[in-house]
Amino acid sequence: MKRLLLPLLAALALPAYTTEVVYETRELAWNECISWMKEGGEFYIQEGSGYEMVTRWLPRRHCFYDEGKMEMVGQELIQIKKGDKFLSTNFPDIGKGIATPVTQKTFKFQEPIP
């Protein structure tokens, strides 16, 4: 038992090193970000009333291109659950309240070779 405990404690005491994935091209990073975005699901907003009511679906996750840092930034509306439904009159503007996006992932890519 002591022989198993010592390696376990040593493994827990060492800092965890994570290797950061850097994609070869901007397009590969973009495709990975889009795949991640689709996994997040969507929520629904109903606009109008009566026969003119329209239900729109919006993704919970979005991808943005950050040229300065050479990465795709994946942001998510973490306070909104997949499949939630809102009336347009009750839904806050993006960046306020539950509609505040939080950066969840970054997809770095290499500089193109001239």
PDB file of N, CA and C in Angstrom:
ATOM      1  N   MET A   1       0.827  -1.193   0.000  1.00  0.00           N
ATOM      2  CA  MET A   1       0.000   0.000   0.000  1.00  0.00           C
ATOM      3  C   MET A   1       0.867   1.251   0.000  1.00  0.00           C
ATOM      4  N   LYS A   2       1.952   1.229   0.782  1.00  0.00           N
ATOM      5  CA  LYS A   2       2.832   2.390   0.830  1.00  0.00           C
ATOM      6  C   LYS A   2       3.505   2.619  -0.514  1.00  0.00           C
ATOM      7  N   ARG A   3       3.771   1.539  -1.261  1.00  0.00           N
ATOM      8  CA  ARG A   3       4.411   1.682  -2.565  1.00  0.00           C
ATOM      9  C   ARG A   3       3.481   2.392  -3.557  1.00  0.00           C
ATOM     10  N   LEU A   4       2.189   2.237  -3.426  1.00  0.00           N
ATOM     11  CA  LEU A   4       1.247   2.901  -4.313  1.00  0.00           C
ATOM     12  C   LEU A   4       0.962   4.328  -3.876  1.00  0.00           C
ATOM     13  N   LEU A   5       1.025   4.572  -2.606  1.00  0.00           N
ATOM     14  CA  LEU A   5       0.703   5.891  -2.076  1.00  0.00           C
ATOM     15  C   LEU A   5       1.759   6.929  -2.433  1.00  0.00           C
ATOM     16  N   LEU A   6       3.024   6.571  -2.370  1.00  0.00           N
ATOM     17  CA  LEU A   6       4.102   7.523  -2.646  1.00  0.00           C
ATOM     18  C   LEU A   6       4.060   8.047  -4.088  1.00  0.00           C
ATOM     19  N   PRO A   7       3.948   7.199  -5.126  1.00  0.00           N
ATOM     20  CA  PRO A   7       3.853   7.738  -6.488  1.00  0.00           C
ATOM     21  C   PRO A   7       2.600   8.585  -6.703  1.00  0.00           C
ATOM     22  N   LEU A   8       1.517   8.223  -6.042  1.00  0.00           N
ATOM     23  CA  LEU A   8       0.288   8.997  -6.165  1.00  0.00           C
ATOM     24  C   LEU A   8       0.470  10.389  -5.586  1.00  0.00           C
ATOM     25  N   LEU A   9       1.069  10.488  -4.413  1.00  0.00           N
ATOM     26  CA  LEU A   9       1.323  11.784  -3.801  1.00  0.00           C
ATOM     27  C   LEU A   9       2.286  12.616  -4.636  1.00  0.00           C
ATOM     28  N   ALA A  10       3.287  11.971  -5.217  1.00  0.00           N
ATOM     29  CA  ALA A  10       4.242  12.685  -6.060  1.00  0.00           C
ATOM     30  C   ALA A  10       3.555  13.242  -7.306  1.00  0.00           C
ATOM     31  N   ALA A  11       2.666  12.471  -7.887  1.00  0.00           N
ATOM     32  CA  ALA A  11       1.952  12.920  -9.080  1.00  0.00           C
ATOM     33  C   ALA A  11       1.030  14.094  -8.766  1.00  0.00           C
ATOM     34  N   LEU A  12       0.414  14.077  -7.612  1.00  0.00           N
ATOM     35  CA  LEU A  12      -0.474  15.169  -7.220  1.00  0.00           C
ATOM     36  C   LEU A  12       0.297  16.429  -6.847  1.00  0.00           C
ATOM     37  N   ALA A  13       1.512  16.261  -6.340  1.00  0.00           N
ATOM     38  CA  ALA A  13       2.304  17.407  -5.913  1.00  0.00           C
ATOM     39  C   ALA A  13       2.938  18.141  -7.089  1.00  0.00           C
ATOM     40  N   LEU A  14       3.197  17.450  -8.195  1.00  0.00           N
ATOM     41  CA  LEU A  14       3.807  18.089  -9.355  1.00  0.00           C
ATOM     42  C   LEU A  14       2.787  18.982 -10.042  1.00  0.00           C
ATOM     43  N   PRO A  15       3.237  20.116 -10.546  1.00  0.00           N
ATOM     44  CA  PRO A  15       2.291  21.003 -11.240  1.00  0.00           C
ATOM     45  C   PRO A  15       1.806  20.363 -12.530  1.00  0.00           C
ATOM     46  N   ALA A  16       0.584  20.619 -12.843  1.00  0.00           N
ATOM     47  CA  ALA A  16      -0.003  20.047 -14.063  1.00  0.00           C
ATOM     48  C   ALA A  16       0.398  20.918 -15.249  1.00  0.00           C
ATOM     49  N   TYR A  17       1.024  20.306 -16.226  1.00  0.00           N
ATOM     50  CA  TYR A  17       1.417  21.018 -17.433  1.00  0.00           C
ATOM     51  C   TYR A  17       0.443  20.660 -18.537  1.00  0.00           C
ATOM     52  N   THR A  18      -0.105  21.675 -19.182  1.00  0.00           N
ATOM     53  CA  THR A  18      -0.998  21.432 -20.297  1.00  0.00           C
ATOM     54  C   THR A  18      -0.342  21.960 -21.559  1.00  0.00           C
ATOM     55  N   THR A  19      -0.434  21.214 -22.587  1.00  0.00           N
ATOM     56  CA  THR A  19       0.127  21.661 -23.850  1.00  0.00           C
ATOM     57  C   THR A  19      -0.954  22.418 -24.597  1.00  0.00           C
ATOM     58  N   GLU A  20      -0.620  23.608 -25.010  1.00  0.00           N
ATOM     59  CA  GLU A  20      -1.566  24.445 -25.717  1.00  0.00           C
ATOM     60  C   GLU A  20      -1.538  24.083 -27.193  1.00  0.00           C
ATOM     61  N   VAL A  21      -2.688  23.866 -27.761  1.00  0.00           N
ATOM     62  CA  VAL A  21      -2.782  23.519 -29.173  1.00  0.00           C
ATOM     63  C   VAL A  21      -2.701  24.805 -29.986  1.00  0.00           C
ATOM     64  N   VAL A  22      -1.806  24.829 -30.955  1.00  0.00           N
ATOM     65  CA  VAL A  22      -1.687  25.952 -31.881  1.00  0.00           C
ATOM     66  C   VAL A  22      -1.948  25.391 -33.274  1.00  0.00           C
ATOM     67  N   TYR A  23      -2.993  25.893 -33.915  1.00  0.00           N
ATOM     68  CA  TYR A  23      -3.380  25.399 -35.227  1.00  0.00           C
ATOM     69  C   TYR A  23      -2.491  25.998 -36.306  1.00  0.00           C
ATOM     70  N   GLU A  24      -2.298  25.254 -37.383  1.00  0.00           N
ATOM     71  CA  GLU A  24      -1.400  25.678 -38.455  1.00  0.00           C
ATOM     72  C   GLU A  24      -1.927  26.882 -39.222  1.00  0.00           C
ATOM     73  N   THR A  25      -3.236  26.954 -39.410  1.00  0.00           N
ATOM     74  CA  THR A  25      -3.814  28.065 -40.166  1.00  0.00           C
ATOM     75  C   THR A  25      -4.980  28.680 -39.405  1.00  0.00           C
ATOM     76  N   ARG A  26      -5.336  29.866 -39.838  1.00  0.00           N
ATOM     77  CA  ARG A  26      -6.473  30.559 -39.242  1.00  0.00           C
ATOM     78  C   ARG A  26      -7.762  29.785 -39.524  1.00  0.00           C
ATOM     79  N   GLU A  27      -7.861  29.180 -40.694  1.00  0.00           N
ATOM     80  CA  GLU A  27      -9.062  28.443 -41.073  1.00  0.00           C
ATOM     81  C   GLU A  27      -9.279  27.216 -40.183  1.00  0.00           C
ATOM     82  N   LEU A  28      -8.195  26.507 -39.849  1.00  0.00           N
ATOM     83  CA  LEU A  28      -8.323  25.349 -38.955  1.00  0.00           C
ATOM     84  C   LEU A  28      -8.787  25.779 -37.567  1.00  0.00           C
ATOM     85  N   ALA A  29      -8.233  26.882 -37.074  1.00  0.00           N
ATOM     86  CA  ALA A  29      -8.655  27.401 -35.766  1.00  0.00           C
ATOM     87  C   ALA A  29     -10.120  27.822 -35.813  1.00  0.00           C
ATOM     88  N   TRP A  30     -10.509  28.466 -36.902  1.00  0.00           N
ATOM     89  CA  TRP A  30     -11.895  28.903 -37.067  1.00  0.00           C
ATOM     90  C   TRP A  30     -12.838  27.702 -37.095  1.00  0.00           C
ATOM     91  N   ASN A  31     -12.482  26.659 -37.838  1.00  0.00           N
ATOM     92  CA  ASN A  31     -13.321  25.458 -37.916  1.00  0.00           C
ATOM     93  C   ASN A  31     -13.483  24.784 -36.551  1.00  0.00           C
ATOM     94  N   GLU A  32     -12.408  24.730 -35.764  1.00  0.00           N
ATOM     95  CA  GLU A  32     -12.499  24.151 -34.417  1.00  0.00           C
ATOM     96  C   GLU A  32     -13.399  24.996 -33.525  1.00  0.00           C
ATOM     97  N   CYS A  33     -13.288  26.316 -33.654  1.00  0.00           N
ATOM     98  CA  CYS A  33     -14.127  27.205 -32.848  1.00  0.00           C
ATOM     99  C   CYS A  33     -15.599  27.042 -33.239  1.00  0.00           C
ATOM    100  N   ILE A  34     -15.877  26.931 -34.529  1.00  0.00           N
ATOM    101  CA  ILE A  34     -17.256  26.745 -34.986  1.00  0.00           C
ATOM    102  C   ILE A  34     -17.817  25.415 -34.475  1.00  0.00           C
ATOM    103  N   SER A  35     -17.004  24.367 -34.484  1.00  0.00           N
ATOM    104  CA  SER A  35     -17.454  23.071 -33.944  1.00  0.00           C
ATOM    105  C   SER A  35     -17.797  23.198 -32.471  1.00  0.00           C
ATOM    106  N   TRP A  36     -16.952  23.893 -31.719  1.00  0.00           N
ATOM    107  CA  TRP A  36     -17.202  24.127 -30.298  1.00  0.00           C
ATOM    108  C   TRP A  36     -18.479  24.932 -30.119  1.00  0.00           C
ATOM    109  N   MET A  37     -18.675  25.933 -30.985  1.00  0.00           N
ATOM    110  CA  MET A  37     -19.858  26.784 -30.894  1.00  0.00           C
ATOM    111  C   MET A  37     -21.134  25.962 -31.090  1.00  0.00           C
ATOM    112  N   LYS A  38     -21.130  25.068 -32.054  1.00  0.00           N
ATOM    113  CA  LYS A  38     -22.322  24.260 -32.337  1.00  0.00           C
ATOM    114  C   LYS A  38     -22.669  23.315 -31.200  1.00  0.00           C
ATOM    115  N   GLU A  39     -21.679  22.868 -30.441  1.00  0.00           N
ATOM    116  CA  GLU A  39     -21.924  21.977 -29.305  1.00  0.00           C
ATOM    117  C   GLU A  39     -22.644  22.682 -28.161  1.00  0.00           C
ATOM    118  N   GLY A  40     -22.610  24.005 -28.133  1.00  0.00           N
ATOM    119  CA  GLY A  40     -23.198  24.774 -27.037  1.00  0.00           C
ATOM    120  C   GLY A  40     -24.698  24.873 -27.064  1.00  0.00           C
ATOM    121  N   GLY A  41     -25.304  24.569 -28.213  1.00  0.00           N
ATOM    122  CA  GLY A  41     -26.760  24.649 -28.313  1.00  0.00           C
ATOM    123  C   GLY A  41     -27.234  26.068 -28.550  1.00  0.00           C
ATOM    124  N   GLU A  42     -28.549  26.234 -28.495  1.00  0.00           N
ATOM    125  CA  GLU A  42     -29.125  27.538 -28.757  1.00  0.00           C
ATOM    126  C   GLU A  42     -30.248  27.833 -27.779  1.00  0.00           C
ATOM    127  N   PHE A  43     -30.670  29.079 -27.794  1.00  0.00           N
ATOM    128  CA  PHE A  43     -31.833  29.493 -27.016  1.00  0.00           C
ATOM    129  C   PHE A  43     -32.761  30.229 -27.973  1.00  0.00           C
ATOM    130  N   TYR A  44     -33.971  30.508 -27.520  1.00  0.00           N
ATOM    131  CA  TYR A  44     -34.984  31.057 -28.406  1.00  0.00           C
ATOM    132  C   TYR A  44     -35.512  32.377 -27.870  1.00  0.00           C
ATOM    133  N   ILE A  45     -35.794  33.291 -28.816  1.00  0.00           N
ATOM    134  CA  ILE A  45     -36.408  34.576 -28.468  1.00  0.00           C
ATOM    135  C   ILE A  45     -37.647  34.727 -29.340  1.00  0.00           C
ATOM    136  N   GLN A  46     -38.773  35.023 -28.699  1.00  0.00           N
ATOM    137  CA  GLN A  46     -40.019  35.237 -29.424  1.00  0.00           C
ATOM    138  C   GLN A  46     -40.265  36.731 -29.552  1.00  0.00           C
ATOM    139  N   GLU A  47     -40.539  37.156 -30.779  1.00  0.00           N
ATOM    140  CA  GLU A  47     -40.794  38.567 -31.067  1.00  0.00           C
ATOM    141  C   GLU A  47     -42.177  38.715 -31.667  1.00  0.00           C
ATOM    142  N   GLY A  48     -42.819  39.835 -31.423  1.00  0.00           N
ATOM    143  CA  GLY A  48     -44.136  40.095 -31.978  1.00  0.00           C
ATOM    144  C   GLY A  48     -45.225  39.468 -31.135  1.00  0.00           C
ATOM    145  N   SER A  49     -46.452  39.463 -31.688  1.00  0.00           N
ATOM    146  CA  SER A  49     -47.568  38.858 -30.964  1.00  0.00           C
ATOM    147  C   SER A  49     -48.595  38.335 -31.962  1.00  0.00           C
ATOM    148  N   GLY A  50     -49.426  37.458 -31.490  1.00  0.00           N
ATOM    149  CA  GLY A  50     -50.487  36.889 -32.315  1.00  0.00           C
ATOM    150  C   GLY A  50     -49.942  36.153 -33.528  1.00  0.00           C
ATOM    151  N   TYR A  51     -50.545  36.416 -34.690  1.00  0.00           N
ATOM    152  CA  TYR A  51     -50.125  35.744 -35.916  1.00  0.00           C
ATOM    153  C   TYR A  51     -48.779  36.256 -36.431  1.00  0.00           C
ATOM    154  N   GLU A  52     -48.342  37.382 -35.919  1.00  0.00           N
ATOM    155  CA  GLU A  52     -47.070  37.951 -36.354  1.00  0.00           C
ATOM    156  C   GLU A  52     -45.915  37.572 -35.429  1.00  0.00           C
ATOM    157  N   MET A  53     -46.148  36.619 -34.524  1.00  0.00           N
ATOM    158  CA  MET A  53     -45.079  36.201 -33.610  1.00  0.00           C
ATOM    159  C   MET A  53     -44.051  35.373 -34.369  1.00  0.00           C
ATOM    160  N   VAL A  54     -42.800  35.712 -34.148  1.00  0.00           N
ATOM    161  CA  VAL A  54     -41.685  35.017 -34.789  1.00  0.00           C
ATOM    162  C   VAL A  54     -40.779  34.483 -33.682  1.00  0.00           C
ATOM    163  N   THR A  55     -40.363  33.227 -33.817  1.00  0.00           N
ATOM    164  CA  THR A  55     -39.422  32.645 -32.863  1.00  0.00           C
ATOM    165  C   THR A  55     -38.077  32.517 -33.557  1.00  0.00           C
ATOM    166  N   ARG A  56     -37.063  33.144 -32.982  1.00  0.00           N
ATOM    167  CA  ARG A  56     -35.710  33.079 -33.542  1.00  0.00           C
ATOM    168  C   ARG A  56     -34.828  32.293 -32.589  1.00  0.00           C
ATOM    169  N   TRP A  57     -33.958  31.469 -33.162  1.00  0.00           N
ATOM    170  CA  TRP A  57     -32.991  30.770 -32.326  1.00  0.00           C
ATOM    171  C   TRP A  57     -31.662  31.488 -32.458  1.00  0.00           C
ATOM    172  N   LEU A  58     -30.971  31.563 -31.352  1.00  0.00           N
ATOM    173  CA  LEU A  58     -29.653  32.202 -31.297  1.00  0.00           C
ATOM    174  C   LEU A  58     -28.682  31.255 -30.598  1.00  0.00           C
ATOM    175  N   PRO A  59     -27.452  31.160 -31.088  1.00  0.00           N
ATOM    176  CA  PRO A  59     -26.481  30.276 -30.424  1.00  0.00           C
ATOM    177  C   PRO A  59     -26.042  30.852 -29.081  1.00  0.00           C
ATOM    178  N   ARG A  60     -25.785  29.969 -28.121  1.00  0.00           N
ATOM    179  CA  ARG A  60     -25.277  30.392 -26.811  1.00  0.00           C
ATOM    180  C   ARG A  60     -23.804  30.755 -26.893  1.00  0.00           C
ATOM    181  N   ARG A  61     -23.101  30.219 -27.889  1.00  0.00           N
ATOM    182  CA  ARG A  61     -21.672  30.459 -28.043  1.00  0.00           C
ATOM    183  C   ARG A  61     -21.412  31.205 -29.353  1.00  0.00           C
ATOM    184  N   HIS A  62     -20.365  32.027 -29.342  1.00  0.00           N
ATOM    185  CA  HIS A  62     -19.951  32.784 -30.523  1.00  0.00           C
ATOM    186  C   HIS A  62     -18.436  32.717 -30.658  1.00  0.00           C
ATOM    187  N   CYS A  63     -17.961  32.855 -31.881  1.00  0.00           N
ATOM    188  CA  CYS A  63     -16.529  32.885 -32.159  1.00  0.00           C
ATOM    189  C   CYS A  63     -16.161  34.239 -32.748  1.00  0.00           C
ATOM    190  N   PHE A  64     -15.044  34.779 -32.280  1.00  0.00           N
ATOM    191  CA  PHE A  64     -14.548  36.063 -32.767  1.00  0.00           C
ATOM    192  C   PHE A  64     -13.087  35.930 -33.160  1.00  0.00           C
ATOM    193  N   TYR A  65     -12.696  36.682 -34.157  1.00  0.00           N
ATOM    194  CA  TYR A  65     -11.329  36.678 -34.646  1.00  0.00           C
ATOM    195  C   TYR A  65     -10.567  37.812 -33.964  1.00  0.00           C
ATOM    196  N   ASP A  66      -9.475  37.486 -33.275  1.00  0.00           N
ATOM    197  CA  ASP A  66      -8.616  38.481 -32.633  1.00  0.00           C
ATOM    198  C   ASP A  66      -7.273  38.483 -33.355  1.00  0.00           C
ATOM    199  N   GLU A  67      -7.130  39.410 -34.300  1.00  0.00           N
ATOM    200  CA  GLU A  67      -5.932  39.451 -35.136  1.00  0.00           C
ATOM    201  C   GLU A  67      -4.684  39.778 -34.333  1.00  0.00           C
ATOM    202  N   GLY A  68      -4.802  40.654 -33.354  1.00  0.00           N
ATOM    203  CA  GLY A  68      -3.649  41.048 -32.548  1.00  0.00           C
ATOM    204  C   GLY A  68      -3.022  39.889 -31.785  1.00  0.00           C
ATOM    205  N   LYS A  69      -3.842  38.994 -31.269  1.00  0.00           N
ATOM    206  CA  LYS A  69      -3.348  37.852 -30.501  1.00  0.00           C
ATOM    207  C   LYS A  69      -3.241  36.583 -31.339  1.00  0.00           C
ATOM    208  N   MET A  70      -3.637  36.666 -32.608  1.00  0.00           N
ATOM    209  CA  MET A  70      -3.601  35.524 -33.517  1.00  0.00           C
ATOM    210  C   MET A  70      -4.366  34.337 -32.934  1.00  0.00           C
ATOM    211  N   GLU A  71      -5.640  34.574 -32.627  1.00  0.00           N
ATOM    212  CA  GLU A  71      -6.469  33.516 -32.064  1.00  0.00           C
ATOM    213  C   GLU A  71      -7.937  33.762 -32.367  1.00  0.00           C
ATOM    214  N   MET A  72      -8.688  32.689 -32.282  1.00  0.00           N
ATOM    215  CA  MET A  72     -10.141  32.760 -32.328  1.00  0.00           C
ATOM    216  C   MET A  72     -10.609  32.681 -30.876  1.00  0.00           C
ATOM    217  N   VAL A  73     -11.490  33.578 -30.504  1.00  0.00           N
ATOM    218  CA  VAL A  73     -11.974  33.640 -29.125  1.00  0.00           C
ATOM    219  C   VAL A  73     -13.386  33.078 -29.089  1.00  0.00           C
ATOM    220  N   GLY A  74     -13.588  32.083 -28.234  1.00  0.00           N
ATOM    221  CA  GLY A  74     -14.907  31.484 -28.065  1.00  0.00           C
ATOM    222  C   GLY A  74     -15.570  32.019 -26.814  1.00  0.00           C
ATOM    223  N   GLN A  75     -16.677  32.742 -27.003  1.00  0.00           N
ATOM    224  CA  GLN A  75     -17.417  33.297 -25.869  1.00  0.00           C
ATOM    225  C   GLN A  75     -18.768  32.606 -25.747  1.00  0.00           C
ATOM    226  N   GLU A  76     -19.245  32.534 -24.488  1.00  0.00           N
ATOM    227  CA  GLU A  76     -20.498  31.822 -24.214  1.00  0.00           C
ATOM    228  C   GLU A  76     -21.352  32.628 -23.248  1.00  0.00           C
ATOM    229  N   LEU A  77     -22.652  32.576 -23.465  1.00  0.00           N
ATOM    230  CA  LEU A  77     -23.612  33.159 -22.523  1.00  0.00           C
ATOM    231  C   LEU A  77     -23.883  32.088 -21.468  1.00  0.00           C
ATOM    232  N   ILE A  78     -23.080  32.081 -20.404  1.00  0.00           N
ATOM    233  CA  ILE A  78     -23.111  30.966 -19.458  1.00  0.00           C
ATOM    234  C   ILE A  78     -24.338  30.965 -18.554  1.00  0.00           C
ATOM    235  N   GLN A  79     -25.010  32.107 -18.418  1.00  0.00           N
ATOM    236  CA  GLN A  79     -26.184  32.148 -17.545  1.00  0.00           C
ATOM    237  C   GLN A  79     -27.465  31.741 -18.273  1.00  0.00           C
ATOM    238  N   ILE A  80     -27.359  31.496 -19.574  1.00  0.00           N
ATOM    239  CA  ILE A  80     -28.513  31.043 -20.357  1.00  0.00           C
ATOM    240  C   ILE A  80     -28.328  29.565 -20.644  1.00  0.00           C
ATOM    241  N   LYS A  81     -29.345  28.788 -20.379  1.00  0.00           N
ATOM    242  CA  LYS A  81     -29.288  27.337 -20.570  1.00  0.00           C
ATOM    243  C   LYS A  81     -29.744  26.973 -21.979  1.00  0.00           C
ATOM    244  N   LYS A  82     -29.256  25.841 -22.452  1.00  0.00           N
ATOM    245  CA  LYS A  82     -29.633  25.334 -23.765  1.00  0.00           C
ATOM    246  C   LYS A  82     -31.144  25.123 -23.820  1.00  0.00           C
ATOM    247  N   GLY A  83     -31.810  25.686 -24.839  1.00  0.00           N
ATOM    248  CA  GLY A  83     -33.243  25.516 -25.012  1.00  0.00           C
ATOM    249  C   GLY A  83     -34.102  26.536 -24.279  1.00  0.00           C
ATOM    250  N   ASP A  84     -33.503  27.461 -23.526  1.00  0.00           N
ATOM    251  CA  ASP A  84     -34.289  28.492 -22.841  1.00  0.00           C
ATOM    252  C   ASP A  84     -35.073  29.314 -23.858  1.00  0.00           C
ATOM    253  N   LYS A  85     -36.259  29.794 -23.439  1.00  0.00           N
ATOM    254  CA  LYS A  85     -37.095  30.625 -24.300  1.00  0.00           C
ATOM    255  C   LYS A  85     -37.359  31.950 -23.590  1.00  0.00           C
ATOM    256  N   PHE A  86     -37.259  33.031 -24.353  1.00  0.00           N
ATOM    257  CA  PHE A  86     -37.466  34.370 -23.812  1.00  0.00           C
ATOM    258  C   PHE A  86     -38.382  35.152 -24.741  1.00  0.00           C
ATOM    259  N   LEU A  87     -39.094  36.113 -24.183  1.00  0.00           N
ATOM    260  CA  LEU A  87     -39.801  37.105 -24.984  1.00  0.00           C
ATOM    261  C   LEU A  87     -38.819  38.235 -25.257  1.00  0.00           C
ATOM    262  N   SER A  88     -38.893  38.818 -26.435  1.00  0.00           N
ATOM    263  CA  SER A  88     -37.937  39.868 -26.786  1.00  0.00           C
ATOM    264  C   SER A  88     -38.039  41.055 -25.832  1.00  0.00           C
ATOM    265  N   THR A  89     -39.227  41.275 -25.274  1.00  0.00           N
ATOM    266  CA  THR A  89     -39.379  42.403 -24.342  1.00  0.00           C
ATOM    267  C   THR A  89     -38.698  42.140 -23.007  1.00  0.00           C
ATOM    268  N   ASN A  90     -38.504  40.866 -22.646  1.00  0.00           N
ATOM    269  CA  ASN A  90     -37.881  40.515 -21.364  1.00  0.00           C
ATOM    270  C   ASN A  90     -36.389  40.234 -21.472  1.00  0.00           C
ATOM    271  N   PHE A  91     -35.872  40.105 -22.698  1.00  0.00           N
ATOM    272  CA  PHE A  91     -34.470  39.741 -22.868  1.00  0.00           C
ATOM    273  C   PHE A  91     -33.609  40.996 -22.866  1.00  0.00           C
ATOM    274  N   PRO A  92     -32.558  41.020 -22.014  1.00  0.00           N
ATOM    275  CA  PRO A  92     -31.707  42.224 -21.946  1.00  0.00           C
ATOM    276  C   PRO A  92     -30.811  42.345 -23.174  1.00  0.00           C
ATOM    277  N   ASP A  93     -30.258  43.537 -23.373  1.00  0.00           N
ATOM    278  CA  ASP A  93     -29.288  43.742 -24.449  1.00  0.00           C
ATOM    279  C   ASP A  93     -28.054  42.896 -24.175  1.00  0.00           C
ATOM    280  N   ILE A  94     -27.374  42.490 -25.256  1.00  0.00           N
ATOM    281  CA  ILE A  94     -26.155  41.707 -25.104  1.00  0.00           C
ATOM    282  C   ILE A  94     -25.139  42.529 -24.318  1.00  0.00           C
ATOM    283  N   GLY A  95     -24.548  41.905 -23.319  1.00  0.00           N
ATOM    284  CA  GLY A  95     -23.576  42.568 -22.458  1.00  0.00           C
ATOM    285  C   GLY A  95     -24.161  43.018 -21.132  1.00  0.00           C
ATOM    286  N   LYS A  96     -25.456  42.805 -20.951  1.00  0.00           N
ATOM    287  CA  LYS A  96     -26.114  43.199 -19.705  1.00  0.00           C
ATOM    288  C   LYS A  96     -26.774  41.989 -19.065  1.00  0.00           C
ATOM    289  N   GLY A  97     -26.696  41.897 -17.753  1.00  0.00           N
ATOM    290  CA  GLY A  97     -27.386  40.843 -17.011  1.00  0.00           C
ATOM    291  C   GLY A  97     -27.005  39.448 -17.457  1.00  0.00           C
ATOM    292  N   ILE A  98     -28.015  38.601 -17.708  1.00  0.00           N
ATOM    293  CA  ILE A  98     -27.745  37.210 -18.086  1.00  0.00           C
ATOM    294  C   ILE A  98     -27.185  37.090 -19.499  1.00  0.00           C
ATOM    295  N   ALA A  99     -27.233  38.162 -20.278  1.00  0.00           N
ATOM    296  CA  ALA A  99     -26.735  38.141 -21.658  1.00  0.00           C
ATOM    297  C   ALA A  99     -25.297  38.638 -21.754  1.00  0.00           C
ATOM    298  N   THR A 100     -24.517  38.481 -20.687  1.00  0.00           N
ATOM    299  CA  THR A 100     -23.121  38.891 -20.696  1.00  0.00           C
ATOM    300  C   THR A 100     -22.250  37.719 -21.131  1.00  0.00           C
ATOM    301  N   PRO A 101     -21.555  37.851 -22.279  1.00  0.00           N
ATOM    302  CA  PRO A 101     -20.715  36.751 -22.745  1.00  0.00           C
ATOM    303  C   PRO A 101     -19.428  36.635 -21.935  1.00  0.00           C
ATOM    304  N   VAL A 102     -18.974  35.405 -21.747  1.00  0.00           N
ATOM    305  CA  VAL A 102     -17.750  35.110 -21.011  1.00  0.00           C
ATOM    306  C   VAL A 102     -16.837  34.303 -21.929  1.00  0.00           C
ATOM    307  N   THR A 103     -15.562  34.696 -22.013  1.00  0.00           N
ATOM    308  CA  THR A 103     -14.614  33.948 -22.833  1.00  0.00           C
ATOM    309  C   THR A 103     -14.362  32.595 -22.181  1.00  0.00           C
ATOM    310  N   GLN A 104     -14.644  31.535 -22.923  1.00  0.00           N
ATOM    311  CA  GLN A 104     -14.494  30.184 -22.417  1.00  0.00           C
ATOM    312  C   GLN A 104     -13.309  29.463 -23.039  1.00  0.00           C
ATOM    313  N   LYS A 105     -13.016  29.736 -24.307  1.00  0.00           N
ATOM    314  CA  LYS A 105     -11.956  29.024 -25.018  1.00  0.00           C
ATOM    315  C   LYS A 105     -11.256  29.961 -25.981  1.00  0.00           C
ATOM    316  N   THR A 106      -9.990  29.661 -26.243  1.00  0.00           N
ATOM    317  CA  THR A 106      -9.262  30.359 -27.293  1.00  0.00           C
ATOM    318  C   THR A 106      -8.624  29.314 -28.203  1.00  0.00           C
ATOM    319  N   PHE A 107      -8.598  29.607 -29.478  1.00  0.00           N
ATOM    320  CA  PHE A 107      -8.033  28.722 -30.485  1.00  0.00           C
ATOM    321  C   PHE A 107      -6.929  29.494 -31.200  1.00  0.00           C
ATOM    322  N   LYS A 108      -5.690  29.282 -30.789  1.00  0.00           N
ATOM    323  CA  LYS A 108      -4.552  30.012 -31.342  1.00  0.00           C
ATOM    324  C   LYS A 108      -4.135  29.406 -32.677  1.00  0.00           C
ATOM    325  N   PHE A 109      -3.561  30.263 -33.532  1.00  0.00           N
ATOM    326  CA  PHE A 109      -3.047  29.784 -34.813  1.00  0.00           C
ATOM    327  C   PHE A 109      -1.722  30.459 -35.125  1.00  0.00           C
ATOM    328  N   GLN A 110      -0.976  29.847 -36.038  1.00  0.00           N
ATOM    329  CA  GLN A 110       0.350  30.354 -36.390  1.00  0.00           C
ATOM    330  C   GLN A 110       0.230  31.482 -37.411  1.00  0.00           C
ATOM    331  N   GLU A 111       1.276  32.285 -37.422  1.00  0.00           N
ATOM    332  CA  GLU A 111       1.338  33.365 -38.403  1.00  0.00           C
ATOM    333  C   GLU A 111       1.594  32.759 -39.782  1.00  0.00           C
ATOM    334  N   PRO A 112       0.898  33.240 -40.803  1.00  0.00           N
ATOM    335  CA  PRO A 112       1.113  32.667 -42.128  1.00  0.00           C
ATOM    336  C   PRO A 112       2.536  32.937 -42.631  1.00  0.00           C
ATOM    337  N   ILE A 113       3.082  31.988 -43.357  1.00  0.00           N
ATOM    338  CA  ILE A 113       4.440  32.119 -43.890  1.00  0.00           C
ATOM    339  C   ILE A 113       4.345  32.888 -45.209  1.00  0.00           C
ATOM    340  N   PRO A 114       5.085  34.006 -45.334  1.00  0.00           N
ATOM    341  CA  PRO A 114       4.991  34.806 -46.567  1.00  0.00           C
ATOM    342  C   PRO A 114       5.635  34.124 -47.742  1.00  0.00           C
TER     343      PRO A 114
END
